[in-house]
Amino acid sequence: MTLEQHQTAEATEPQAHYSPEEAGEILRIAAHLQDNTITAEQLRAIAREAGVSDENLERAVQQYEQSRQAEAQLRQQTIARRKRRFKVFALFSAVIVAMFAFVASFLFIEYMSSPSRYSGLGFGQSQSTYFGRKLLTSSQHCKVYKEQVDGLNSKERIIIQWADGREHVVSAEFSLVVSAFVAPSEKRVAIYDEGTGDVWLIDADTNALTWTARRGWMLLYPDTQVQVQVSYNDPLVGWSSNGKEDVLLIRLANGSIEEIPIPAK
């Protein structure tokens, strides 16, 4: 077949037709296979060959650029939102950590300022046992314990245990007993409830309870009408004896020790 005949055959063969979308996809594939980019001028030349006017091409380019800019803005907004969320989360986490640190510091300072207040709750001293008995004091023939009644109201009760095995449980409940002293005669036990500030006397035989003093309050002696103020801090000092009676020792606000004789039964 001669060249003229070949050209005539190609001219008479039916030409394939492609939609604009198909043409664009074909050009995209061709550019990718060529591993090169197409300049704006080349794009115009291709469009003219395809019968696309320059005006329509420019409008198409503008729409494409607007779409690409919109996608870029959307990506930037998404990144910005993620950054803001991360900053808020980081700030929230820092606030939570700071709150925990503040509470822990406050509890530590509070405990260090008054460790006896928490001695019955399982902190500090090794002999403290939650719900278990804790020895407050002892004498030759008896021991005085405290134990928690339950874990809801943290109330405490006092137990007096004798060397012969007898055991007396005081019927009243206390808030936070931090100290106890057995009288020289072993007939009474004095306790100090730091939770309420009260000093109590317990009859070691009958468990009868007698209120004696409260921190910061005034003591009145009916015989002399003299009033003295009880100390705000650890008013219960202990016991002594005058040879006939047990003498309760109470610390006053001025730092002196007041001696209160307790008549023998």
Protein backbone atom coordinates (compact mmCIF):
# COMPACT_ATOMS: atom_id res chain seq x y z
CA MET A 1 0.00 0.00 0.00
CA THR A 2 1.37 3.34 -1.05
CA LEU A 3 1.55 6.34 1.31
CA GLU A 4 -1.29 8.02 -0.54
CA GLN A 5 -3.44 4.94 -0.18
CA HIS A 6 -2.63 4.74 3.59
CA GLN A 7 -3.59 8.36 4.16
CA THR A 8 -6.82 7.82 2.20
CA ALA A 9 -7.63 4.78 4.38
CA GLU A 10 -7.05 6.73 7.61
CA ALA A 11 -9.26 9.56 6.36
CA THR A 12 -12.13 7.16 5.59
CA GLU A 13 -11.88 5.34 8.99
CA PRO A 14 -14.46 6.48 11.59
CA GLN A 15 -13.01 8.84 14.23
CA ALA A 16 -13.51 8.10 17.96
CA HIS A 17 -15.41 10.72 19.94
CA TYR A 18 -14.77 11.58 23.67
CA SER A 19 -16.71 13.67 26.11
CA PRO A 20 -14.98 16.64 27.80
CA GLU A 21 -14.59 14.58 30.98
CA GLU A 22 -13.05 11.70 29.07
CA ALA A 23 -10.76 14.04 27.15
CA GLY A 24 -9.59 15.63 30.40
CA GLU A 25 -8.92 12.23 31.95
CA ILE A 26 -6.98 11.12 28.86
CA LEU A 27 -4.84 14.28 28.97
CA ARG A 28 -4.23 13.79 32.71
CA ILE A 29 -3.07 10.22 32.09
CA ALA A 30 -0.90 11.32 29.17
CA ALA A 31 0.75 14.05 31.27
CA HIS A 32 1.37 11.54 34.06
CA LEU A 33 2.92 9.06 31.60
CA GLN A 34 5.07 11.85 30.21
CA ASP A 35 6.14 12.66 33.80
CA ASN A 36 5.95 16.36 33.05
CA THR A 37 3.72 19.35 33.66
CA ILE A 38 1.71 21.27 31.07
CA THR A 39 2.15 25.01 30.75
CA ALA A 40 -0.77 27.39 30.39
CA GLU A 41 0.16 28.03 26.78
CA GLN A 42 0.26 24.30 26.02
CA LEU A 43 -3.12 23.95 27.70
CA ARG A 44 -4.54 26.68 25.45
CA ALA A 45 -3.11 24.99 22.38
CA ILE A 46 -4.65 21.68 23.38
CA ALA A 47 -7.96 23.37 24.09
CA ARG A 48 -7.95 25.10 20.68
CA GLU A 49 -7.22 21.76 18.98
CA ALA A 50 -10.18 20.32 20.88
CA GLY A 51 -12.40 23.18 19.78
CA VAL A 52 -12.57 24.93 23.19
CA SER A 53 -12.57 28.71 23.08
CA ASP A 54 -10.02 30.73 25.05
CA GLU A 55 -12.85 32.34 27.06
CA ASN A 56 -14.23 29.01 28.21
CA LEU A 57 -10.72 27.78 28.98
CA GLU A 58 -10.04 30.84 31.17
CA ARG A 59 -13.31 30.33 33.01
CA ALA A 60 -12.47 26.67 33.54
CA VAL A 61 -9.02 27.58 34.86
CA GLN A 62 -10.54 30.15 37.26
CA GLN A 63 -13.08 27.63 38.57
CA TYR A 64 -10.33 25.07 39.05
CA GLU A 65 -8.10 27.56 40.91
CA GLN A 66 -11.02 28.63 43.11
CA SER A 67 -11.76 24.99 43.93
CA ARG A 68 -8.10 24.33 44.74
CA GLN A 69 -7.94 27.42 46.98
CA ALA A 70 -11.13 26.36 48.76
CA GLU A 71 -9.67 22.91 49.41
CA ALA A 72 -6.45 24.47 50.73
CA GLN A 73 -8.43 26.78 53.05
CA LEU A 74 -10.48 23.83 54.27
CA ARG A 75 -7.29 21.91 55.08
CA GLN A 76 -5.86 24.94 56.93
CA GLN A 77 -9.10 25.37 58.92
CA THR A 78 -9.08 21.67 59.84
CA ILE A 79 -5.46 21.93 61.03
CA ALA A 80 -6.28 25.11 63.00
CA ARG A 81 -9.25 23.42 64.70
CA ARG A 82 -7.09 20.46 65.68
CA LYS A 83 -4.48 22.81 67.13
CA ARG A 84 -7.14 24.69 69.14
CA ARG A 85 -8.57 21.42 70.45
CA PHE A 86 -5.09 20.29 71.47
CA LYS A 87 -4.44 23.59 73.27
CA VAL A 88 -7.76 23.36 75.12
CA PHE A 89 -7.07 19.76 76.09
CA ALA A 90 -3.56 20.66 77.25
CA LEU A 91 -4.89 23.59 79.28
CA PHE A 92 -7.63 21.43 80.83
CA SER A 93 -5.08 18.74 81.71
CA ALA A 94 -2.78 21.33 83.27
CA VAL A 95 -5.66 22.69 85.38
CA ILE A 96 -6.60 19.20 86.57
CA VAL A 97 -2.98 18.41 87.47
CA ALA A 98 -2.65 21.75 89.28
CA MET A 99 -5.85 21.08 91.24
CA PHE A 100 -4.65 17.64 92.31
CA ALA A 101 -1.28 19.09 93.29
CA PHE A 102 -2.99 21.84 95.31
CA VAL A 103 -5.26 19.39 97.13
CA ALA A 104 -2.35 17.05 97.85
CA SER A 105 -0.24 19.95 99.15
CA PHE A 106 -3.11 21.22 101.30
CA LEU A 107 -3.71 17.78 102.82
CA PHE A 108 0.00 17.31 103.46
CA ILE A 109 0.31 20.72 105.15
CA GLU A 110 -2.84 20.06 107.16
CA TYR A 111 -1.53 16.69 108.28
CA MET A 112 1.90 18.06 109.19
CA SER A 113 0.30 20.86 111.21
CA SER A 114 -1.79 18.43 113.27
CA PRO A 115 -0.85 14.77 112.70
CA SER A 116 -2.80 13.61 115.72
CA ARG A 117 -6.02 14.66 114.04
CA TYR A 118 -5.53 11.95 111.44
CA SER A 119 -3.92 9.31 113.61
CA GLY A 120 -7.10 7.25 113.77
CA LEU A 121 -7.64 7.25 110.03
CA GLY A 122 -4.71 5.07 109.05
CA PHE A 123 -2.15 7.83 108.41
CA GLY A 124 1.11 8.63 110.10
CA GLN A 125 1.87 6.37 113.04
CA SER A 126 2.40 2.72 112.31
CA GLN A 127 0.27 1.56 115.23
CA SER A 128 -2.84 3.20 113.77
CA THR A 129 -5.15 0.67 112.17
CA TYR A 130 -8.32 1.50 110.30
CA PHE A 131 -11.27 -0.04 112.15
CA GLY A 132 -8.72 -1.66 114.50
CA ARG A 133 -7.88 -0.86 118.08
CA LYS A 134 -5.24 1.64 118.97
CA LEU A 135 -3.64 1.78 122.39
CA LEU A 136 -4.00 5.25 123.88
CA THR A 137 -2.44 4.69 127.30
CA SER A 138 -1.83 2.02 129.92
CA SER A 139 -1.14 1.65 133.61
CA GLN A 140 -0.13 -1.22 135.83
CA HIS A 141 -3.54 -2.89 135.76
CA CYS A 142 -5.43 -1.50 132.75
CA LYS A 143 -5.10 -0.41 129.16
CA VAL A 144 -7.18 2.14 127.31
CA TYR A 145 -7.94 1.64 123.62
CA LYS A 146 -9.96 3.42 120.99
CA GLU A 147 -11.47 1.95 117.84
CA GLN A 148 -13.61 3.24 115.02
CA VAL A 149 -17.26 2.30 115.04
CA ASP A 150 -17.66 2.39 111.24
CA GLY A 151 -16.25 4.05 108.16
CA LEU A 152 -19.16 6.39 107.41
CA ASN A 153 -19.14 8.87 110.28
CA SER A 154 -15.68 7.92 111.67
CA LYS A 155 -17.00 7.86 115.22
CA GLU A 156 -14.82 6.28 117.88
CA ARG A 157 -15.44 4.41 121.09
CA ILE A 158 -13.29 3.84 124.14
CA ILE A 159 -12.47 0.41 125.60
CA ILE A 160 -10.92 -0.10 129.04
CA GLN A 161 -9.26 -3.48 129.40
CA TRP A 162 -8.18 -4.81 132.80
CA ALA A 163 -5.31 -7.15 133.53
CA ASP A 164 -7.72 -9.82 134.79
CA GLY A 165 -9.45 -9.96 131.40
CA ARG A 166 -12.40 -7.70 132.13
CA GLU A 167 -13.28 -5.25 129.40
CA HIS A 168 -15.54 -2.19 129.57
CA VAL A 169 -16.81 -0.40 126.48
CA VAL A 170 -17.91 3.20 127.01
CA SER A 171 -21.40 3.58 125.59
CA ALA A 172 -20.85 7.12 124.25
CA GLU A 173 -19.24 7.75 120.87
CA PHE A 174 -16.49 10.30 120.29
CA SER A 175 -15.21 12.24 117.32
CA LEU A 176 -11.41 12.07 117.48
CA VAL A 177 -9.79 11.02 120.76
CA VAL A 178 -6.09 11.91 120.64
CA SER A 179 -4.97 11.42 124.24
CA ALA A 180 -5.95 9.55 127.38
CA PHE A 181 -4.53 9.33 130.92
CA VAL A 182 -5.22 6.86 133.72
CA ALA A 183 -5.51 8.43 137.18
CA PRO A 184 -2.98 7.34 139.84
CA SER A 185 -5.74 5.51 141.68
CA GLU A 186 -6.79 3.82 138.42
CA LYS A 187 -10.36 4.75 139.29
CA ARG A 188 -10.77 7.19 136.40
CA VAL A 189 -9.57 7.80 132.87
CA ALA A 190 -9.36 11.27 131.34
CA ILE A 191 -9.62 11.60 127.55
CA TYR A 192 -9.38 14.53 125.16
CA ASP A 193 -11.61 14.56 122.06
CA GLU A 194 -9.86 16.87 119.59
CA GLY A 195 -12.81 16.65 117.21
CA THR A 196 -15.08 18.49 119.68
CA GLY A 197 -12.50 20.02 122.03
CA ASP A 198 -14.02 18.30 125.07
CA VAL A 199 -12.23 16.77 128.07
CA TRP A 200 -14.11 13.82 129.59
CA LEU A 201 -13.71 11.73 132.72
CA ILE A 202 -14.62 8.04 132.58
CA ASP A 203 -15.33 6.04 135.70
CA ALA A 204 -13.15 2.96 135.22
CA ASP A 205 -15.59 0.73 137.14
CA THR A 206 -19.02 1.92 135.98
CA ASN A 207 -18.07 3.62 132.69
CA ALA A 208 -19.99 6.69 133.83
CA LEU A 209 -19.04 9.69 131.71
CA THR A 210 -18.53 13.20 133.10
CA TRP A 211 -17.86 16.29 131.02
CA THR A 212 -15.06 18.38 132.53
CA ALA A 213 -13.83 21.12 130.21
CA ARG A 214 -13.70 22.36 126.62
CA ARG A 215 -10.87 24.12 124.84
CA GLY A 216 -11.20 27.88 124.88
CA TRP A 217 -14.07 27.82 127.38
CA MET A 218 -14.11 29.27 130.87
CA LEU A 219 -13.81 27.18 134.03
CA LEU A 220 -15.88 28.45 136.93
CA TYR A 221 -15.19 27.58 140.55
CA PRO A 222 -18.49 27.95 142.46
CA ASP A 223 -16.78 28.46 145.82
CA THR A 224 -14.69 31.42 144.72
CA GLN A 225 -16.56 32.50 141.56
CA VAL A 226 -13.18 32.61 139.83
CA GLN A 227 -13.14 31.99 136.08
CA VAL A 228 -10.15 30.78 134.11
CA GLN A 229 -9.92 30.15 130.37
CA VAL A 230 -8.94 26.72 129.08
CA SER A 231 -6.18 26.52 126.46
CA TYR A 232 -7.12 26.17 122.79
CA ASN A 233 -4.36 23.59 122.18
CA ASP A 234 -4.14 20.23 123.97
CA PRO A 235 -5.81 21.31 127.22
CA LEU A 236 -5.52 17.88 128.84
CA VAL A 237 -2.11 17.49 130.53
CA GLY A 238 -2.63 14.41 132.68
CA TRP A 239 -2.93 13.51 136.36
CA SER A 240 -1.16 14.00 139.63
CA SER A 241 -2.05 13.18 143.23
CA ASN A 242 -2.16 15.18 146.46
CA GLY A 243 -1.95 12.01 148.56
CA LYS A 244 -5.69 11.81 149.12
CA GLU A 245 -7.28 12.56 145.76
CA ASP A 246 -6.56 12.29 142.10
CA VAL A 247 -5.77 15.70 140.64
CA LEU A 248 -6.67 16.43 137.00
CA LEU A 249 -4.23 18.75 135.21
CA ILE A 250 -5.71 21.19 132.69
CA ARG A 251 -3.66 23.62 130.59
CA LEU A 252 -4.99 27.18 130.59
CA ALA A 253 -4.86 29.81 127.86
CA ASN A 254 -2.09 31.70 129.65
CA GLY A 255 0.11 28.59 129.63
CA SER A 256 -0.25 27.73 133.31
CA ILE A 257 -1.52 24.37 134.60
CA GLU A 258 -4.73 24.27 136.58
CA GLU A 259 -5.06 21.51 139.20
CA ILE A 260 -8.59 20.17 139.67
CA PRO A 261 -8.96 17.73 142.59
CA ILE A 262 -11.35 14.88 141.89
CA PRO A 263 -12.99 13.62 145.09
CA ALA A 264 -12.48 9.95 145.88
CA LYS A 265 -15.52 7.75 145.51
